[in-house]
């Protein structure tokens, strides 16, 4: 999980499925 404010170029292609799953847990 990367801070989109400081490293926006890395988050453009990211799928948020895994992040959402982990966040809910």
PDBML (XML) file of the C-alpha atoms, coordinates in Angstrom:
<?xml version="1.0" encoding="UTF-8" ?>
<PDBx:datablock datablockName="MODEL"
   xmlns:PDBx="http://pdbml.pdb.org/schema/pdbx-v50.xsd"
   xmlns:xsi="http://www.w3.org/2001/XMLSchema-instance"
   xsi:schemaLocation="http://pdbml.pdb.org/schema/pdbx-v50.xsd pdbx-v50.xsd">
   <PDBx:atom_siteCategory>
      <PDBx:atom_site id="1">
         <PDBx:B_iso_or_equiv>0.00</PDBx:B_iso_or_equiv>
         <PDBx:Cartn_x>0.000</PDBx:Cartn_x>
         <PDBx:Cartn_y>0.000</PDBx:Cartn_y>
         <PDBx:Cartn_z>0.000</PDBx:Cartn_z>
         <PDBx:auth_asym_id>A</PDBx:auth_asym_id>
         <PDBx:auth_atom_id>CA</PDBx:auth_atom_id>
         <PDBx:auth_comp_id>UNK</PDBx:auth_comp_id>
         <PDBx:auth_seq_id>1</PDBx:auth_seq_id>
         <PDBx:group_PDB>ATOM</PDBx:group_PDB>
         <PDBx:label_alt_id xsi:nil="true" />
         <PDBx:label_asym_id>A</PDBx:label_asym_id>
         <PDBx:label_atom_id>CA</PDBx:label_atom_id>
         <PDBx:label_comp_id>UNK</PDBx:label_comp_id>
         <PDBx:label_entity_id>1</PDBx:label_entity_id>
         <PDBx:label_seq_id>1</PDBx:label_seq_id>
         <PDBx:occupancy>1.00</PDBx:occupancy>
         <PDBx:pdbx_PDB_model_num>1</PDBx:pdbx_PDB_model_num>
         <PDBx:type_symbol>C</PDBx:type_symbol>
      </PDBx:atom_site>
      <PDBx:atom_site id="2">
         <PDBx:B_iso_or_equiv>0.00</PDBx:B_iso_or_equiv>
         <PDBx:Cartn_x>1.619</PDBx:Cartn_x>
         <PDBx:Cartn_y>3.212</PDBx:Cartn_y>
         <PDBx:Cartn_z>-1.158</PDBx:Cartn_z>
         <PDBx:auth_asym_id>A</PDBx:auth_asym_id>
         <PDBx:auth_atom_id>CA</PDBx:auth_atom_id>
         <PDBx:auth_comp_id>UNK</PDBx:auth_comp_id>
         <PDBx:auth_seq_id>2</PDBx:auth_seq_id>
         <PDBx:group_PDB>ATOM</PDBx:group_PDB>
         <PDBx:label_alt_id xsi:nil="true" />
         <PDBx:label_asym_id>A</PDBx:label_asym_id>
         <PDBx:label_atom_id>CA</PDBx:label_atom_id>
         <PDBx:label_comp_id>UNK</PDBx:label_comp_id>
         <PDBx:label_entity_id>1</PDBx:label_entity_id>
         <PDBx:label_seq_id>2</PDBx:label_seq_id>
         <PDBx:occupancy>1.00</PDBx:occupancy>
         <PDBx:pdbx_PDB_model_num>1</PDBx:pdbx_PDB_model_num>
         <PDBx:type_symbol>C</PDBx:type_symbol>
      </PDBx:atom_site>
      <PDBx:atom_site id="3">
         <PDBx:B_iso_or_equiv>0.00</PDBx:B_iso_or_equiv>
         <PDBx:Cartn_x>0.673</PDBx:Cartn_x>
         <PDBx:Cartn_y>6.754</PDBx:Cartn_y>
         <PDBx:Cartn_z>-0.186</PDBx:Cartn_z>
         <PDBx:auth_asym_id>A</PDBx:auth_asym_id>
         <PDBx:auth_atom_id>CA</PDBx:auth_atom_id>
         <PDBx:auth_comp_id>UNK</PDBx:auth_comp_id>
         <PDBx:auth_seq_id>3</PDBx:auth_seq_id>
         <PDBx:group_PDB>ATOM</PDBx:group_PDB>
         <PDBx:label_alt_id xsi:nil="true" />
         <PDBx:label_asym_id>A</PDBx:label_asym_id>
         <PDBx:label_atom_id>CA</PDBx:label_atom_id>
         <PDBx:label_comp_id>UNK</PDBx:label_comp_id>
         <PDBx:label_entity_id>1</PDBx:label_entity_id>
         <PDBx:label_seq_id>3</PDBx:label_seq_id>
         <PDBx:occupancy>1.00</PDBx:occupancy>
         <PDBx:pdbx_PDB_model_num>1</PDBx:pdbx_PDB_model_num>
         <PDBx:type_symbol>C</PDBx:type_symbol>
      </PDBx:atom_site>
      <PDBx:atom_site id="4">
         <PDBx:B_iso_or_equiv>0.00</PDBx:B_iso_or_equiv>
         <PDBx:Cartn_x>-0.821</PDBx:Cartn_x>
         <PDBx:Cartn_y>8.014</PDBx:Cartn_y>
         <PDBx:Cartn_z>-3.460</PDBx:Cartn_z>
         <PDBx:auth_asym_id>A</PDBx:auth_asym_id>
         <PDBx:auth_atom_id>CA</PDBx:auth_atom_id>
         <PDBx:auth_comp_id>UNK</PDBx:auth_comp_id>
         <PDBx:auth_seq_id>4</PDBx:auth_seq_id>
         <PDBx:group_PDB>ATOM</PDBx:group_PDB>
         <PDBx:label_alt_id xsi:nil="true" />
         <PDBx:label_asym_id>A</PDBx:label_asym_id>
         <PDBx:label_atom_id>CA</PDBx:label_atom_id>
         <PDBx:label_comp_id>UNK</PDBx:label_comp_id>
         <PDBx:label_entity_id>1</PDBx:label_entity_id>
         <PDBx:label_seq_id>4</PDBx:label_seq_id>
         <PDBx:occupancy>1.00</PDBx:occupancy>
         <PDBx:pdbx_PDB_model_num>1</PDBx:pdbx_PDB_model_num>
         <PDBx:type_symbol>C</PDBx:type_symbol>
      </PDBx:atom_site>
      <PDBx:atom_site id="5">
         <PDBx:B_iso_or_equiv>0.00</PDBx:B_iso_or_equiv>
         <PDBx:Cartn_x>0.048</PDBx:Cartn_x>
         <PDBx:Cartn_y>11.608</PDBx:Cartn_y>
         <PDBx:Cartn_z>-2.539</PDBx:Cartn_z>
         <PDBx:auth_asym_id>A</PDBx:auth_asym_id>
         <PDBx:auth_atom_id>CA</PDBx:auth_atom_id>
         <PDBx:auth_comp_id>UNK</PDBx:auth_comp_id>
         <PDBx:auth_seq_id>5</PDBx:auth_seq_id>
         <PDBx:group_PDB>ATOM</PDBx:group_PDB>
         <PDBx:label_alt_id xsi:nil="true" />
         <PDBx:label_asym_id>A</PDBx:label_asym_id>
         <PDBx:label_atom_id>CA</PDBx:label_atom_id>
         <PDBx:label_comp_id>UNK</PDBx:label_comp_id>
         <PDBx:label_entity_id>1</PDBx:label_entity_id>
         <PDBx:label_seq_id>5</PDBx:label_seq_id>
         <PDBx:occupancy>1.00</PDBx:occupancy>
         <PDBx:pdbx_PDB_model_num>1</PDBx:pdbx_PDB_model_num>
         <PDBx:type_symbol>C</PDBx:type_symbol>
      </PDBx:atom_site>
      <PDBx:atom_site id="6">
         <PDBx:B_iso_or_equiv>0.00</PDBx:B_iso_or_equiv>
         <PDBx:Cartn_x>3.800</PDBx:Cartn_x>
         <PDBx:Cartn_y>11.047</PDBx:Cartn_y>
         <PDBx:Cartn_z>-2.396</PDBx:Cartn_z>
         <PDBx:auth_asym_id>A</PDBx:auth_asym_id>
         <PDBx:auth_atom_id>CA</PDBx:auth_atom_id>
         <PDBx:auth_comp_id>UNK</PDBx:auth_comp_id>
         <PDBx:auth_seq_id>6</PDBx:auth_seq_id>
         <PDBx:group_PDB>ATOM</PDBx:group_PDB>
         <PDBx:label_alt_id xsi:nil="true" />
         <PDBx:label_asym_id>A</PDBx:label_asym_id>
         <PDBx:label_atom_id>CA</PDBx:label_atom_id>
         <PDBx:label_comp_id>UNK</PDBx:label_comp_id>
         <PDBx:label_entity_id>1</PDBx:label_entity_id>
         <PDBx:label_seq_id>6</PDBx:label_seq_id>
         <PDBx:occupancy>1.00</PDBx:occupancy>
         <PDBx:pdbx_PDB_model_num>1</PDBx:pdbx_PDB_model_num>
         <PDBx:type_symbol>C</PDBx:type_symbol>
      </PDBx:atom_site>
      <PDBx:atom_site id="7">
         <PDBx:B_iso_or_equiv>0.00</PDBx:B_iso_or_equiv>
         <PDBx:Cartn_x>4.147</PDBx:Cartn_x>
         <PDBx:Cartn_y>8.187</PDBx:Cartn_y>
         <PDBx:Cartn_z>-4.879</PDBx:Cartn_z>
         <PDBx:auth_asym_id>A</PDBx:auth_asym_id>
         <PDBx:auth_atom_id>CA</PDBx:auth_atom_id>
         <PDBx:auth_comp_id>UNK</PDBx:auth_comp_id>
         <PDBx:auth_seq_id>7</PDBx:auth_seq_id>
         <PDBx:group_PDB>ATOM</PDBx:group_PDB>
         <PDBx:label_alt_id xsi:nil="true" />
         <PDBx:label_asym_id>A</PDBx:label_asym_id>
         <PDBx:label_atom_id>CA</PDBx:label_atom_id>
         <PDBx:label_comp_id>UNK</PDBx:label_comp_id>
         <PDBx:label_entity_id>1</PDBx:label_entity_id>
         <PDBx:label_seq_id>7</PDBx:label_seq_id>
         <PDBx:occupancy>1.00</PDBx:occupancy>
         <PDBx:pdbx_PDB_model_num>1</PDBx:pdbx_PDB_model_num>
         <PDBx:type_symbol>C</PDBx:type_symbol>
      </PDBx:atom_site>
      <PDBx:atom_site id="8">
         <PDBx:B_iso_or_equiv>0.00</PDBx:B_iso_or_equiv>
         <PDBx:Cartn_x>1.253</PDBx:Cartn_x>
         <PDBx:Cartn_y>8.670</PDBx:Cartn_y>
         <PDBx:Cartn_z>-7.309</PDBx:Cartn_z>
         <PDBx:auth_asym_id>A</PDBx:auth_asym_id>
         <PDBx:auth_atom_id>CA</PDBx:auth_atom_id>
         <PDBx:auth_comp_id>UNK</PDBx:auth_comp_id>
         <PDBx:auth_seq_id>8</PDBx:auth_seq_id>
         <PDBx:group_PDB>ATOM</PDBx:group_PDB>
         <PDBx:label_alt_id xsi:nil="true" />
         <PDBx:label_asym_id>A</PDBx:label_asym_id>
         <PDBx:label_atom_id>CA</PDBx:label_atom_id>
         <PDBx:label_comp_id>UNK</PDBx:label_comp_id>
         <PDBx:label_entity_id>1</PDBx:label_entity_id>
         <PDBx:label_seq_id>8</PDBx:label_seq_id>
         <PDBx:occupancy>1.00</PDBx:occupancy>
         <PDBx:pdbx_PDB_model_num>1</PDBx:pdbx_PDB_model_num>
         <PDBx:type_symbol>C</PDBx:type_symbol>
      </PDBx:atom_site>
      <PDBx:atom_site id="9">
         <PDBx:B_iso_or_equiv>0.00</PDBx:B_iso_or_equiv>
         <PDBx:Cartn_x>3.031</PDBx:Cartn_x>
         <PDBx:Cartn_y>7.075</PDBx:Cartn_y>
         <PDBx:Cartn_z>-10.258</PDBx:Cartn_z>
         <PDBx:auth_asym_id>A</PDBx:auth_asym_id>
         <PDBx:auth_atom_id>CA</PDBx:auth_atom_id>
         <PDBx:auth_comp_id>UNK</PDBx:auth_comp_id>
         <PDBx:auth_seq_id>9</PDBx:auth_seq_id>
         <PDBx:group_PDB>ATOM</PDBx:group_PDB>
         <PDBx:label_alt_id xsi:nil="true" />
         <PDBx:label_asym_id>A</PDBx:label_asym_id>
         <PDBx:label_atom_id>CA</PDBx:label_atom_id>
         <PDBx:label_comp_id>UNK</PDBx:label_comp_id>
         <PDBx:label_entity_id>1</PDBx:label_entity_id>
         <PDBx:label_seq_id>9</PDBx:label_seq_id>
         <PDBx:occupancy>1.00</PDBx:occupancy>
         <PDBx:pdbx_PDB_model_num>1</PDBx:pdbx_PDB_model_num>
         <PDBx:type_symbol>C</PDBx:type_symbol>
      </PDBx:atom_site>
      <PDBx:atom_site id="10">
         <PDBx:B_iso_or_equiv>0.00</PDBx:B_iso_or_equiv>
         <PDBx:Cartn_x>3.147</PDBx:Cartn_x>
         <PDBx:Cartn_y>3.713</PDBx:Cartn_y>
         <PDBx:Cartn_z>-8.488</PDBx:Cartn_z>
         <PDBx:auth_asym_id>A</PDBx:auth_asym_id>
         <PDBx:auth_atom_id>CA</PDBx:auth_atom_id>
         <PDBx:auth_comp_id>UNK</PDBx:auth_comp_id>
         <PDBx:auth_seq_id>10</PDBx:auth_seq_id>
         <PDBx:group_PDB>ATOM</PDBx:group_PDB>
         <PDBx:label_alt_id xsi:nil="true" />
         <PDBx:label_asym_id>A</PDBx:label_asym_id>
         <PDBx:label_atom_id>CA</PDBx:label_atom_id>
         <PDBx:label_comp_id>UNK</PDBx:label_comp_id>
         <PDBx:label_entity_id>1</PDBx:label_entity_id>
         <PDBx:label_seq_id>10</PDBx:label_seq_id>
         <PDBx:occupancy>1.00</PDBx:occupancy>
         <PDBx:pdbx_PDB_model_num>1</PDBx:pdbx_PDB_model_num>
         <PDBx:type_symbol>C</PDBx:type_symbol>
      </PDBx:atom_site>
      <PDBx:atom_site id="11">
         <PDBx:B_iso_or_equiv>0.00</PDBx:B_iso_or_equiv>
         <PDBx:Cartn_x>-0.545</PDBx:Cartn_x>
         <PDBx:Cartn_y>3.603</PDBx:Cartn_y>
         <PDBx:Cartn_z>-7.625</PDBx:Cartn_z>
         <PDBx:auth_asym_id>A</PDBx:auth_asym_id>
         <PDBx:auth_atom_id>CA</PDBx:auth_atom_id>
         <PDBx:auth_comp_id>UNK</PDBx:auth_comp_id>
         <PDBx:auth_seq_id>11</PDBx:auth_seq_id>
         <PDBx:group_PDB>ATOM</PDBx:group_PDB>
         <PDBx:label_alt_id xsi:nil="true" />
         <PDBx:label_asym_id>A</PDBx:label_asym_id>
         <PDBx:label_atom_id>CA</PDBx:label_atom_id>
         <PDBx:label_comp_id>UNK</PDBx:label_comp_id>
         <PDBx:label_entity_id>1</PDBx:label_entity_id>
         <PDBx:label_seq_id>11</PDBx:label_seq_id>
         <PDBx:occupancy>1.00</PDBx:occupancy>
         <PDBx:pdbx_PDB_model_num>1</PDBx:pdbx_PDB_model_num>
         <PDBx:type_symbol>C</PDBx:type_symbol>
      </PDBx:atom_site>
      <PDBx:atom_site id="12">
         <PDBx:B_iso_or_equiv>0.00</PDBx:B_iso_or_equiv>
         <PDBx:Cartn_x>-2.025</PDBx:Cartn_x>
         <PDBx:Cartn_y>4.283</PDBx:Cartn_y>
         <PDBx:Cartn_z>-11.076</PDBx:Cartn_z>
         <PDBx:auth_asym_id>A</PDBx:auth_asym_id>
         <PDBx:auth_atom_id>CA</PDBx:auth_atom_id>
         <PDBx:auth_comp_id>UNK</PDBx:auth_comp_id>
         <PDBx:auth_seq_id>12</PDBx:auth_seq_id>
         <PDBx:group_PDB>ATOM</PDBx:group_PDB>
         <PDBx:label_alt_id xsi:nil="true" />
         <PDBx:label_asym_id>A</PDBx:label_asym_id>
         <PDBx:label_atom_id>CA</PDBx:label_atom_id>
         <PDBx:label_comp_id>UNK</PDBx:label_comp_id>
         <PDBx:label_entity_id>1</PDBx:label_entity_id>
         <PDBx:label_seq_id>12</PDBx:label_seq_id>
         <PDBx:occupancy>1.00</PDBx:occupancy>
         <PDBx:pdbx_PDB_model_num>1</PDBx:pdbx_PDB_model_num>
         <PDBx:type_symbol>C</PDBx:type_symbol>
      </PDBx:atom_site>
      <PDBx:atom_site id="13">
         <PDBx:B_iso_or_equiv>0.00</PDBx:B_iso_or_equiv>
         <PDBx:Cartn_x>-1.974</PDBx:Cartn_x>
         <PDBx:Cartn_y>0.618</PDBx:Cartn_y>
         <PDBx:Cartn_z>-12.131</PDBx:Cartn_z>
         <PDBx:auth_asym_id>A</PDBx:auth_asym_id>
         <PDBx:auth_atom_id>CA</PDBx:auth_atom_id>
         <PDBx:auth_comp_id>UNK</PDBx:auth_comp_id>
         <PDBx:auth_seq_id>13</PDBx:auth_seq_id>
         <PDBx:group_PDB>ATOM</PDBx:group_PDB>
         <PDBx:label_alt_id xsi:nil="true" />
         <PDBx:label_asym_id>A</PDBx:label_asym_id>
         <PDBx:label_atom_id>CA</PDBx:label_atom_id>
         <PDBx:label_comp_id>UNK</PDBx:label_comp_id>
         <PDBx:label_entity_id>1</PDBx:label_entity_id>
         <PDBx:label_seq_id>13</PDBx:label_seq_id>
         <PDBx:occupancy>1.00</PDBx:occupancy>
         <PDBx:pdbx_PDB_model_num>1</PDBx:pdbx_PDB_model_num>
         <PDBx:type_symbol>C</PDBx:type_symbol>
      </PDBx:atom_site>
      <PDBx:atom_site id="14">
         <PDBx:B_iso_or_equiv>0.00</PDBx:B_iso_or_equiv>
         <PDBx:Cartn_x>-2.924</PDBx:Cartn_x>
         <PDBx:Cartn_y>-0.890</PDBx:Cartn_y>
         <PDBx:Cartn_z>-8.784</PDBx:Cartn_z>
         <PDBx:auth_asym_id>A</PDBx:auth_asym_id>
         <PDBx:auth_atom_id>CA</PDBx:auth_atom_id>
         <PDBx:auth_comp_id>UNK</PDBx:auth_comp_id>
         <PDBx:auth_seq_id>14</PDBx:auth_seq_id>
         <PDBx:group_PDB>ATOM</PDBx:group_PDB>
         <PDBx:label_alt_id xsi:nil="true" />
         <PDBx:label_asym_id>A</PDBx:label_asym_id>
         <PDBx:label_atom_id>CA</PDBx:label_atom_id>
         <PDBx:label_comp_id>UNK</PDBx:label_comp_id>
         <PDBx:label_entity_id>1</PDBx:label_entity_id>
         <PDBx:label_seq_id>14</PDBx:label_seq_id>
         <PDBx:occupancy>1.00</PDBx:occupancy>
         <PDBx:pdbx_PDB_model_num>1</PDBx:pdbx_PDB_model_num>
         <PDBx:type_symbol>C</PDBx:type_symbol>
      </PDBx:atom_site>
      <PDBx:atom_site id="15">
         <PDBx:B_iso_or_equiv>0.00</PDBx:B_iso_or_equiv>
         <PDBx:Cartn_x>-5.836</PDBx:Cartn_x>
         <PDBx:Cartn_y>-3.192</PDBx:Cartn_y>
         <PDBx:Cartn_z>-8.230</PDBx:Cartn_z>
         <PDBx:auth_asym_id>A</PDBx:auth_asym_id>
         <PDBx:auth_atom_id>CA</PDBx:auth_atom_id>
         <PDBx:auth_comp_id>UNK</PDBx:auth_comp_id>
         <PDBx:auth_seq_id>15</PDBx:auth_seq_id>
         <PDBx:group_PDB>ATOM</PDBx:group_PDB>
         <PDBx:label_alt_id xsi:nil="true" />
         <PDBx:label_asym_id>A</PDBx:label_asym_id>
         <PDBx:label_atom_id>CA</PDBx:label_atom_id>
         <PDBx:label_comp_id>UNK</PDBx:label_comp_id>
         <PDBx:label_entity_id>1</PDBx:label_entity_id>
         <PDBx:label_seq_id>15</PDBx:label_seq_id>
         <PDBx:occupancy>1.00</PDBx:occupancy>
         <PDBx:pdbx_PDB_model_num>1</PDBx:pdbx_PDB_model_num>
         <PDBx:type_symbol>C</PDBx:type_symbol>
      </PDBx:atom_site>
      <PDBx:atom_site id="16">
         <PDBx:B_iso_or_equiv>0.00</PDBx:B_iso_or_equiv>
         <PDBx:Cartn_x>-7.514</PDBx:Cartn_x>
         <PDBx:Cartn_y>-2.335</PDBx:Cartn_y>
         <PDBx:Cartn_z>-4.939</PDBx:Cartn_z>
         <PDBx:auth_asym_id>A</PDBx:auth_asym_id>
         <PDBx:auth_atom_id>CA</PDBx:auth_atom_id>
         <PDBx:auth_comp_id>UNK</PDBx:auth_comp_id>
         <PDBx:auth_seq_id>16</PDBx:auth_seq_id>
         <PDBx:group_PDB>ATOM</PDBx:group_PDB>
         <PDBx:label_alt_id xsi:nil="true" />
         <PDBx:label_asym_id>A</PDBx:label_asym_id>
         <PDBx:label_atom_id>CA</PDBx:label_atom_id>
         <PDBx:label_comp_id>UNK</PDBx:label_comp_id>
         <PDBx:label_entity_id>1</PDBx:label_entity_id>
         <PDBx:label_seq_id>16</PDBx:label_seq_id>
         <PDBx:occupancy>1.00</PDBx:occupancy>
         <PDBx:pdbx_PDB_model_num>1</PDBx:pdbx_PDB_model_num>
         <PDBx:type_symbol>C</PDBx:type_symbol>
      </PDBx:atom_site>
      <PDBx:atom_site id="17">
         <PDBx:B_iso_or_equiv>0.00</PDBx:B_iso_or_equiv>
         <PDBx:Cartn_x>-9.155</PDBx:Cartn_x>
         <PDBx:Cartn_y>-5.728</PDBx:Cartn_y>
         <PDBx:Cartn_z>-4.467</PDBx:Cartn_z>
         <PDBx:auth_asym_id>A</PDBx:auth_asym_id>
         <PDBx:auth_atom_id>CA</PDBx:auth_atom_id>
         <PDBx:auth_comp_id>UNK</PDBx:auth_comp_id>
         <PDBx:auth_seq_id>17</PDBx:auth_seq_id>
         <PDBx:group_PDB>ATOM</PDBx:group_PDB>
         <PDBx:label_alt_id xsi:nil="true" />
         <PDBx:label_asym_id>A</PDBx:label_asym_id>
         <PDBx:label_atom_id>CA</PDBx:label_atom_id>
         <PDBx:label_comp_id>UNK</PDBx:label_comp_id>
         <PDBx:label_entity_id>1</PDBx:label_entity_id>
         <PDBx:label_seq_id>17</PDBx:label_seq_id>
         <PDBx:occupancy>1.00</PDBx:occupancy>
         <PDBx:pdbx_PDB_model_num>1</PDBx:pdbx_PDB_model_num>
         <PDBx:type_symbol>C</PDBx:type_symbol>
      </PDBx:atom_site>
      <PDBx:atom_site id="18">
         <PDBx:B_iso_or_equiv>0.00</PDBx:B_iso_or_equiv>
         <PDBx:Cartn_x>-6.424</PDBx:Cartn_x>
         <PDBx:Cartn_y>-7.091</PDBx:Cartn_y>
         <PDBx:Cartn_z>-2.199</PDBx:Cartn_z>
         <PDBx:auth_asym_id>A</PDBx:auth_asym_id>
         <PDBx:auth_atom_id>CA</PDBx:auth_atom_id>
         <PDBx:auth_comp_id>UNK</PDBx:auth_comp_id>
         <PDBx:auth_seq_id>18</PDBx:auth_seq_id>
         <PDBx:group_PDB>ATOM</PDBx:group_PDB>
         <PDBx:label_alt_id xsi:nil="true" />
         <PDBx:label_asym_id>A</PDBx:label_asym_id>
         <PDBx:label_atom_id>CA</PDBx:label_atom_id>
         <PDBx:label_comp_id>UNK</PDBx:label_comp_id>
         <PDBx:label_entity_id>1</PDBx:label_entity_id>
         <PDBx:label_seq_id>18</PDBx:label_seq_id>
         <PDBx:occupancy>1.00</PDBx:occupancy>
         <PDBx:pdbx_PDB_model_num>1</PDBx:pdbx_PDB_model_num>
         <PDBx:type_symbol>C</PDBx:type_symbol>
      </PDBx:atom_site>
      <PDBx:atom_site id="19">
         <PDBx:B_iso_or_equiv>0.00</PDBx:B_iso_or_equiv>
         <PDBx:Cartn_x>-6.063</PDBx:Cartn_x>
         <PDBx:Cartn_y>-3.805</PDBx:Cartn_y>
         <PDBx:Cartn_z>-0.305</PDBx:Cartn_z>
         <PDBx:auth_asym_id>A</PDBx:auth_asym_id>
         <PDBx:auth_atom_id>CA</PDBx:auth_atom_id>
         <PDBx:auth_comp_id>UNK</PDBx:auth_comp_id>
         <PDBx:auth_seq_id>19</PDBx:auth_seq_id>
         <PDBx:group_PDB>ATOM</PDBx:group_PDB>
         <PDBx:label_alt_id xsi:nil="true" />
         <PDBx:label_asym_id>A</PDBx:label_asym_id>
         <PDBx:label_atom_id>CA</PDBx:label_atom_id>
         <PDBx:label_comp_id>UNK</PDBx:label_comp_id>
         <PDBx:label_entity_id>1</PDBx:label_entity_id>
         <PDBx:label_seq_id>19</PDBx:label_seq_id>
         <PDBx:occupancy>1.00</PDBx:occupancy>
         <PDBx:pdbx_PDB_model_num>1</PDBx:pdbx_PDB_model_num>
         <PDBx:type_symbol>C</PDBx:type_symbol>
      </PDBx:atom_site>
      <PDBx:atom_site id="20">
         <PDBx:B_iso_or_equiv>0.00</PDBx:B_iso_or_equiv>
         <PDBx:Cartn_x>-9.802</PDBx:Cartn_x>
         <PDBx:Cartn_y>-3.611</PDBx:Cartn_y>
         <PDBx:Cartn_z>0.348</PDBx:Cartn_z>
         <PDBx:auth_asym_id>A</PDBx:auth_asym_id>
         <PDBx:auth_atom_id>CA</PDBx:auth_atom_id>
         <PDBx:auth_comp_id>UNK</PDBx:auth_comp_id>
         <PDBx:auth_seq_id>20</PDBx:auth_seq_id>
         <PDBx:group_PDB>ATOM</PDBx:group_PDB>
         <PDBx:label_alt_id xsi:nil="true" />
         <PDBx:label_asym_id>A</PDBx:label_asym_id>
         <PDBx:label_atom_id>CA</PDBx:label_atom_id>
         <PDBx:label_comp_id>UNK</PDBx:label_comp_id>
         <PDBx:label_entity_id>1</PDBx:label_entity_id>
         <PDBx:label_seq_id>20</PDBx:label_seq_id>
         <PDBx:occupancy>1.00</PDBx:occupancy>
         <PDBx:pdbx_PDB_model_num>1</PDBx:pdbx_PDB_model_num>
         <PDBx:type_symbol>C</PDBx:type_symbol>
      </PDBx:atom_site>
      <PDBx:atom_site id="21">
         <PDBx:B_iso_or_equiv>0.00</PDBx:B_iso_or_equiv>
         <PDBx:Cartn_x>-9.852</PDBx:Cartn_x>
         <PDBx:Cartn_y>-7.194</PDBx:Cartn_y>
         <PDBx:Cartn_z>1.586</PDBx:Cartn_z>
         <PDBx:auth_asym_id>A</PDBx:auth_asym_id>
         <PDBx:auth_atom_id>CA</PDBx:auth_atom_id>
         <PDBx:auth_comp_id>UNK</PDBx:auth_comp_id>
         <PDBx:auth_seq_id>21</PDBx:auth_seq_id>
         <PDBx:group_PDB>ATOM</PDBx:group_PDB>
         <PDBx:label_alt_id xsi:nil="true" />
         <PDBx:label_asym_id>A</PDBx:label_asym_id>
         <PDBx:label_atom_id>CA</PDBx:label_atom_id>
         <PDBx:label_comp_id>UNK</PDBx:label_comp_id>
         <PDBx:label_entity_id>1</PDBx:label_entity_id>
         <PDBx:label_seq_id>21</PDBx:label_seq_id>
         <PDBx:occupancy>1.00</PDBx:occupancy>
         <PDBx:pdbx_PDB_model_num>1</PDBx:pdbx_PDB_model_num>
         <PDBx:type_symbol>C</PDBx:type_symbol>
      </PDBx:atom_site>
      <PDBx:atom_site id="22">
         <PDBx:B_iso_or_equiv>0.00</PDBx:B_iso_or_equiv>
         <PDBx:Cartn_x>-6.956</PDBx:Cartn_x>
         <PDBx:Cartn_y>-6.647</PDBx:Cartn_y>
         <PDBx:Cartn_z>3.981</PDBx:Cartn_z>
         <PDBx:auth_asym_id>A</PDBx:auth_asym_id>
         <PDBx:auth_atom_id>CA</PDBx:auth_atom_id>
         <PDBx:auth_comp_id>UNK</PDBx:auth_comp_id>
         <PDBx:auth_seq_id>22</PDBx:auth_seq_id>
         <PDBx:group_PDB>ATOM</PDBx:group_PDB>
         <PDBx:label_alt_id xsi:nil="true" />
         <PDBx:label_asym_id>A</PDBx:label_asym_id>
         <PDBx:label_atom_id>CA</PDBx:label_atom_id>
         <PDBx:label_comp_id>UNK</PDBx:label_comp_id>
         <PDBx:label_entity_id>1</PDBx:label_entity_id>
         <PDBx:label_seq_id>22</PDBx:label_seq_id>
         <PDBx:occupancy>1.00</PDBx:occupancy>
         <PDBx:pdbx_PDB_model_num>1</PDBx:pdbx_PDB_model_num>
         <PDBx:type_symbol>C</PDBx:type_symbol>
      </PDBx:atom_site>
      <PDBx:atom_site id="23">
         <PDBx:B_iso_or_equiv>0.00</PDBx:B_iso_or_equiv>
         <PDBx:Cartn_x>-8.393</PDBx:Cartn_x>
         <PDBx:Cartn_y>-3.308</PDBx:Cartn_y>
         <PDBx:Cartn_z>5.127</PDBx:Cartn_z>
         <PDBx:auth_asym_id>A</PDBx:auth_asym_id>
         <PDBx:auth_atom_id>CA</PDBx:auth_atom_id>
         <PDBx:auth_comp_id>UNK</PDBx:auth_comp_id>
         <PDBx:auth_seq_id>23</PDBx:auth_seq_id>
         <PDBx:group_PDB>ATOM</PDBx:group_PDB>
         <PDBx:label_alt_id xsi:nil="true" />
         <PDBx:label_asym_id>A</PDBx:label_asym_id>
         <PDBx:label_atom_id>CA</PDBx:label_atom_id>
         <PDBx:label_comp_id>UNK</PDBx:label_comp_id>
         <PDBx:label_entity_id>1</PDBx:label_entity_id>
         <PDBx:label_seq_id>23</PDBx:label_seq_id>
         <PDBx:occupancy>1.00</PDBx:occupancy>
         <PDBx:pdbx_PDB_model_num>1</PDBx:pdbx_PDB_model_num>
         <PDBx:type_symbol>C</PDBx:type_symbol>
      </PDBx:atom_site>
      <PDBx:atom_site id="24">
         <PDBx:B_iso_or_equiv>0.00</PDBx:B_iso_or_equiv>
         <PDBx:Cartn_x>-11.722</PDBx:Cartn_x>
         <PDBx:Cartn_y>-4.911</PDBx:Cartn_y>
         <PDBx:Cartn_z>6.023</PDBx:Cartn_z>
         <PDBx:auth_asym_id>A</PDBx:auth_asym_id>
         <PDBx:auth_atom_id>CA</PDBx:auth_atom_id>
         <PDBx:auth_comp_id>UNK</PDBx:auth_comp_id>
         <PDBx:auth_seq_id>24</PDBx:auth_seq_id>
         <PDBx:group_PDB>ATOM</PDBx:group_PDB>
         <PDBx:label_alt_id xsi:nil="true" />
         <PDBx:label_asym_id>A</PDBx:label_asym_id>
         <PDBx:label_atom_id>CA</PDBx:label_atom_id>
         <PDBx:label_comp_id>UNK</PDBx:label_comp_id>
         <PDBx:label_entity_id>1</PDBx:label_entity_id>
         <PDBx:label_seq_id>24</PDBx:label_seq_id>
         <PDBx:occupancy>1.00</PDBx:occupancy>
         <PDBx:pdbx_PDB_model_num>1</PDBx:pdbx_PDB_model_num>
         <PDBx:type_symbol>C</PDBx:type_symbol>
      </PDBx:atom_site>
      <PDBx:atom_site id="25">
         <PDBx:B_iso_or_equiv>0.00</PDBx:B_iso_or_equiv>
         <PDBx:Cartn_x>-9.949</PDBx:Cartn_x>
         <PDBx:Cartn_y>-7.621</PDBx:Cartn_y>
         <PDBx:Cartn_z>8.038</PDBx:Cartn_z>
         <PDBx:auth_asym_id>A</PDBx:auth_asym_id>
         <PDBx:auth_atom_id>CA</PDBx:auth_atom_id>
         <PDBx:auth_comp_id>UNK</PDBx:auth_comp_id>
         <PDBx:auth_seq_id>25</PDBx:auth_seq_id>
         <PDBx:group_PDB>ATOM</PDBx:group_PDB>
         <PDBx:label_alt_id xsi:nil="true" />
         <PDBx:label_asym_id>A</PDBx:label_asym_id>
         <PDBx:label_atom_id>CA</PDBx:label_atom_id>
         <PDBx:label_comp_id>UNK</PDBx:label_comp_id>
         <PDBx:label_entity_id>1</PDBx:label_entity_id>
         <PDBx:label_seq_id>25</PDBx:label_seq_id>
         <PDBx:occupancy>1.00</PDBx:occupancy>
         <PDBx:pdbx_PDB_model_num>1</PDBx:pdbx_PDB_model_num>
         <PDBx:type_symbol>C</PDBx:type_symbol>
      </PDBx:atom_site>
   </PDBx:atom_siteCategory>
</PDBx:datablock>
